[in-house]
C-alpha atoms as a PDB file:
ATOM      1  CA  MET A   1     129.284  35.032 -65.774  1.00  0.00           C
ATOM      2  CA  ALA A   2     128.457  33.023 -62.728  1.00  0.00           C
ATOM      3  CA  PRO A   3     125.228  34.271 -60.582  1.00  0.00           C
ATOM      4  CA  ILE A   4     125.186  36.214 -57.814  1.00  0.00           C
ATOM      5  CA  PRO A   5     124.558  34.287 -54.737  1.00  0.00           C
ATOM      6  CA  ASP A   6     121.415  34.903 -52.481  1.00  0.00           C
ATOM      7  CA  PRO A   7     122.710  36.586 -49.299  1.00  0.00           C
ATOM      8  CA  TYR A   8     122.257  34.477 -46.106  1.00  0.00           C
ATOM      9  CA  LEU A   9     119.379  34.469 -44.024  1.00  0.00           C
ATOM     10  CA  VAL A  10     119.803  35.785 -40.486  1.00  0.00           C
ATOM     11  CA  SER A  11     118.135  33.035 -38.708  1.00  0.00           C
ATOM     12  CA  ASN A  12     120.217  30.310 -38.990  1.00  0.00           C
ATOM     13  CA  PHE A  13     123.185  30.587 -36.617  1.00  0.00           C
ATOM     14  CA  ARG A  14     124.790  28.746 -33.419  1.00  0.00           C
ATOM     15  CA  VAL A  15     127.152  29.876 -30.727  1.00  0.00           C
ATOM     16  CA  GLU A  16     129.802  27.596 -29.442  1.00  0.00           C
ATOM     17  CA  ILE A  17     131.414  28.675 -26.094  1.00  0.00           C
ATOM     18  CA  ASP A  18     134.323  26.844 -24.667  1.00  0.00           C
ATOM     19  CA  ASN A  19     132.958  24.538 -21.913  1.00  0.00           C
ATOM     20  CA  ILE A  20     129.494  25.028 -22.368  1.00  0.00           C
ATOM     21  CA  PRO A  21     128.215  22.040 -24.211  1.00  0.00           C
ATOM     22  CA  SER A  22     124.985  23.535 -25.405  1.00  0.00           C
ATOM     23  CA  ALA A  23     123.896  27.405 -26.177  1.00  0.00           C
ATOM     24  CA  THR A  24     121.033  28.125 -28.243  1.00  0.00           C
ATOM     25  CA  PHE A  25     120.093  31.935 -28.673  1.00  0.00           C
ATOM     26  CA  SER A  26     117.196  33.424 -30.431  1.00  0.00           C
ATOM     27  CA  GLU A  27     119.050  36.494 -30.985  1.00  0.00           C
ATOM     28  CA  ILE A  28     122.942  38.216 -31.233  1.00  0.00           C
ATOM     29  CA  ILE A  29     123.669  41.641 -31.411  1.00  0.00           C
ATOM     30  CA  GLY A  30     126.886  43.506 -31.525  1.00  0.00           C
ATOM     31  CA  LEU A  31     128.870  41.731 -34.053  1.00  0.00           C
ATOM     32  CA  ASP A  32     130.730  45.201 -34.458  1.00  0.00           C
ATOM     33  CA  LEU A  33     134.238  46.601 -34.123  1.00  0.00           C
ATOM     34  CA  SER A  34     135.622  50.160 -34.822  1.00  0.00           C
ATOM     35  CA  ILE A  35     139.352  51.455 -35.239  1.00  0.00           C
ATOM     36  CA  ASP A  36     140.241  55.184 -33.956  1.00  0.00           C
ATOM     37  CA  ILE A  37     141.494  57.468 -36.684  1.00  0.00           C
ATOM     38  CA  VAL A  38     144.761  59.060 -35.372  1.00  0.00           C
ATOM     39  CA  ASP A  39     145.980  62.433 -37.328  1.00  0.00           C
ATOM     40  CA  TYR A  40     149.427  62.708 -38.027  1.00  0.00           C
ATOM     41  CA  ARG A  41     151.439  65.031 -39.485  1.00  0.00           C
ATOM     42  CA  THR A  42     155.503  65.177 -39.992  1.00  0.00           C
ATOM     43  CA  GLY A  43     157.183  68.243 -39.883  1.00  0.00           C
ATOM     44  CA  SER A  44     158.078  68.371 -43.175  1.00  0.00           C
ATOM     45  CA  SER A  45     154.580  68.048 -44.626  1.00  0.00           C
ATOM     46  CA  ILE A  46     153.508  70.365 -47.049  1.00  0.00           C
ATOM     47  CA  PRO A  47     150.474  71.538 -47.518  1.00  0.00           C
ATOM     48  CA  LEU A  48     150.230  71.395 -43.714  1.00  0.00           C
ATOM     49  CA  ALA A  49     147.813  68.323 -43.844  1.00  0.00           C
ATOM     50  CA  ALA A  50     147.084  65.359 -41.427  1.00  0.00           C
ATOM     51  CA  GLU A  51     148.006  61.789 -42.654  1.00  0.00           C
ATOM     52  CA  LYS A  52     145.260  59.503 -41.449  1.00  0.00           C
ATOM     53  CA  LEU A  53     146.566  56.577 -39.420  1.00  0.00           C
ATOM     54  CA  PRO A  54     144.638  53.295 -37.886  1.00  0.00           C
ATOM     55  CA  GLY A  55     144.695  53.633 -33.976  1.00  0.00           C
ATOM     56  CA  LEU A  56     143.151  51.333 -31.437  1.00  0.00           C
ATOM     57  CA  VAL A  57     140.447  48.625 -32.193  1.00  0.00           C
ATOM     58  CA  HIS A  58     137.056  48.865 -30.128  1.00  0.00           C
ATOM     59  CA  TYR A  59     135.113  46.062 -29.657  1.00  0.00           C
ATOM     60  CA  PRO A  60     131.268  46.411 -28.526  1.00  0.00           C
ATOM     61  CA  ASN A  61     129.760  44.027 -26.309  1.00  0.00           C
ATOM     62  CA  ILE A  62     127.766  40.906 -27.916  1.00  0.00           C
ATOM     63  CA  THR A  63     124.113  40.865 -26.370  1.00  0.00           C
ATOM     64  CA  MET A  64     122.702  37.232 -26.866  1.00  0.00           C
ATOM     65  CA  LYS A  65     119.266  36.264 -25.942  1.00  0.00           C
ATOM     66  CA  ARG A  66     117.527  32.922 -25.721  1.00  0.00           C
ATOM     67  CA  GLY A  67     114.423  31.334 -23.687  1.00  0.00           C
ATOM     68  CA  LEU A  68     115.057  30.736 -20.197  1.00  0.00           C
ATOM     69  CA  THR A  69     115.268  26.939 -19.530  1.00  0.00           C
ATOM     70  CA  GLN A  70     116.704  24.645 -16.498  1.00  0.00           C
ATOM     71  CA  ASN A  71     120.011  24.684 -18.101  1.00  0.00           C
ATOM     72  CA  LEU A  72     122.412  26.854 -15.786  1.00  0.00           C
ATOM     73  CA  ASP A  73     125.823  26.606 -17.926  1.00  0.00           C
ATOM     74  CA  LEU A  74     125.260  30.316 -18.444  1.00  0.00           C
ATOM     75  CA  TRP A  75     124.632  31.184 -15.063  1.00  0.00           C
ATOM     76  CA  ASN A  76     127.347  29.182 -13.671  1.00  0.00           C
ATOM     77  CA  TRP A  77     129.884  31.322 -16.044  1.00  0.00           C
ATOM     78  CA  VAL A  78     128.276  34.468 -14.508  1.00  0.00           C
ATOM     79  CA  LYS A  79     128.335  33.114 -11.102  1.00  0.00           C
ATOM     80  CA  ASN A  80     131.967  32.376 -11.679  1.00  0.00           C
ATOM     81  CA  ILE A  81     132.813  35.995 -12.421  1.00  0.00           C
ATOM     82  CA  LEU A  82     130.647  37.168  -9.591  1.00  0.00           C
ATOM     83  CA  SER A  83     132.798  35.109  -7.231  1.00  0.00           C
ATOM     84  CA  GLY A  84     136.104  36.887  -8.617  1.00  0.00           C
ATOM     85  CA  VAL A  85     137.247  34.107 -10.785  1.00  0.00           C
ATOM     86  CA  SER A  86     138.891  34.940 -14.029  1.00  0.00           C
ATOM     87  CA  ASP A  87     136.881  32.973 -16.198  1.00  0.00           C
ATOM     88  CA  LYS A  88     137.631  34.515 -19.960  1.00  0.00           C
ATOM     89  CA  ARG A  89     136.402  32.052 -22.496  1.00  0.00           C
ATOM     90  CA  ASN A  90     136.813  31.848 -26.849  1.00  0.00           C
ATOM     91  CA  MET A  91     133.433  31.400 -28.641  1.00  0.00           C
ATOM     92  CA  SER A  92     132.309  31.291 -32.625  1.00  0.00           C
ATOM     93  CA  ILE A  93     129.231  32.635 -33.955  1.00  0.00           C
ATOM     94  CA  VAL A  94     128.981  30.501 -36.698  1.00  0.00           C
ATOM     95  CA  LEU A  95     126.053  31.701 -39.503  1.00  0.00           C
ATOM     96  CA  GLN A  96     124.560  28.696 -41.285  1.00  0.00           C
ATOM     97  CA  ASP A  97     123.116  28.449 -45.016  1.00  0.00           C
ATOM     98  CA  ALA A  98     119.358  27.260 -45.388  1.00  0.00           C
ATOM     99  CA  GLN A  99     120.662  23.485 -45.471  1.00  0.00           C
ATOM    100  CA  HIS A 100     122.232  24.000 -42.051  1.00  0.00           C
ATOM    101  CA  ASN A 101     125.707  24.224 -43.493  1.00  0.00           C
ATOM    102  CA  ASP A 102     128.490  26.627 -41.673  1.00  0.00           C
ATOM    103  CA  VAL A 103     129.228  29.661 -43.889  1.00  0.00           C
ATOM    104  CA  ILE A 104     130.488  32.357 -41.940  1.00  0.00           C
ATOM    105  CA  ARG A 105     132.187  31.686 -38.440  1.00  0.00           C
ATOM    106  CA  TRP A 106     133.239  34.902 -36.174  1.00  0.00           C
ATOM    107  CA  ASN A 107     135.610  33.992 -33.528  1.00  0.00           C
ATOM    108  CA  VAL A 108     135.497  35.814 -30.421  1.00  0.00           C
ATOM    109  CA  THR A 109     138.644  36.148 -28.195  1.00  0.00           C
ATOM    110  CA  ASN A 110     138.876  36.375 -24.072  1.00  0.00           C
ATOM    111  CA  ALA A 111     134.928  36.718 -23.794  1.00  0.00           C
ATOM    112  CA  TRP A 112     133.431  36.952 -20.493  1.00  0.00           C
ATOM    113  CA  PRO A 113     129.722  37.902 -19.342  1.00  0.00           C
ATOM    114  CA  CYS A 114     129.509  41.675 -18.106  1.00  0.00           C
ATOM    115  CA  LYS A 115     125.631  41.543 -17.775  1.00  0.00           C
ATOM    116  CA  TRP A 116     122.811  39.284 -17.096  1.00  0.00           C
ATOM    117  CA  SER A 117     119.066  40.066 -17.310  1.00  0.00           C
ATOM    118  CA  GLY A 118     116.159  37.889 -16.419  1.00  0.00           C
ATOM    119  CA  PRO A 119     112.950  38.206 -18.142  1.00  0.00           C
ATOM    120  CA  ASP A 120     110.072  40.481 -17.764  1.00  0.00           C
ATOM    121  CA  LEU A 121     107.671  38.462 -15.537  1.00  0.00           C
ATOM    122  CA  LYS A 122     104.045  39.308 -16.447  1.00  0.00           C
ATOM    123  CA  SER A 123     100.771  37.678 -15.027  1.00  0.00           C
ATOM    124  CA  GLY A 124      98.462  36.157 -18.048  1.00  0.00           C
ATOM    125  CA  SER A 125     101.100  36.376 -20.295  1.00  0.00           C
ATOM    126  CA  SER A 126     102.176  33.487 -22.312  1.00  0.00           C
ATOM    127  CA  GLU A 127     105.230  34.904 -23.783  1.00  0.00           C
ATOM    128  CA  VAL A 128     108.216  32.837 -23.496  1.00  0.00           C
ATOM    129  CA  ALA A 129     110.581  33.816 -20.921  1.00  0.00           C
ATOM    130  CA  ILE A 130     114.040  35.688 -21.932  1.00  0.00           C
ATOM    131  CA  GLU A 131     117.114  35.723 -20.464  1.00  0.00           C
ATOM    132  CA  GLU A 132     120.055  38.367 -21.872  1.00  0.00           C
ATOM    133  CA  ILE A 133     123.611  38.012 -21.205  1.00  0.00           C
ATOM    134  CA  GLU A 134     126.121  40.819 -22.552  1.00  0.00           C
ATOM    135  CA  ILE A 135     129.465  39.395 -23.354  1.00  0.00           C
ATOM    136  CA  CYS A 136     132.200  41.610 -23.314  1.00  0.00           C
ATOM    137  CA  HIS A 137     135.334  40.544 -25.154  1.00  0.00           C
ATOM    138  CA  GLU A 138     138.957  41.270 -26.707  1.00  0.00           C
ATOM    139  CA  GLY A 139     138.718  40.259 -30.478  1.00  0.00           C
ATOM    140  CA  LEU A 140     136.556  39.604 -33.224  1.00  0.00           C
ATOM    141  CA  VAL A 141     137.726  37.819 -36.532  1.00  0.00           C
ATOM    142  CA  LEU A 142     135.873  36.654 -39.323  1.00  0.00           C
ATOM    143  CA  ALA A 143     137.364  33.329 -39.960  1.00  0.00           C
END
């Protein structure tokens, strides 16, 4: 019997976004989906019980955090949306093993930034300035 492989660590990942050459993040939250349950009963169902059917699929927003730098690629994407430009992009979140080989890829379709948050600024602090961007999207597929 083959040994059970160790689970992957959550610390090795990268993000690929259309038209953004480099997107490095320290945290990603929201790789989720949920499916509505639809109760269905035909007139001839005996006993009077509902069959459970899958309904609409919902994709919560994905929140990504990174250290603030002079790279304005994400901010320019937000600016497009603020200007009324429809700028939906595809993106991928790629989990890597300890040797940085790609092992799992989540493809996200029709994504666009719906919220941006800048860092909390504190005099005398030595913390990294973190920006946060929230992405809404229309699909999440494990590829």
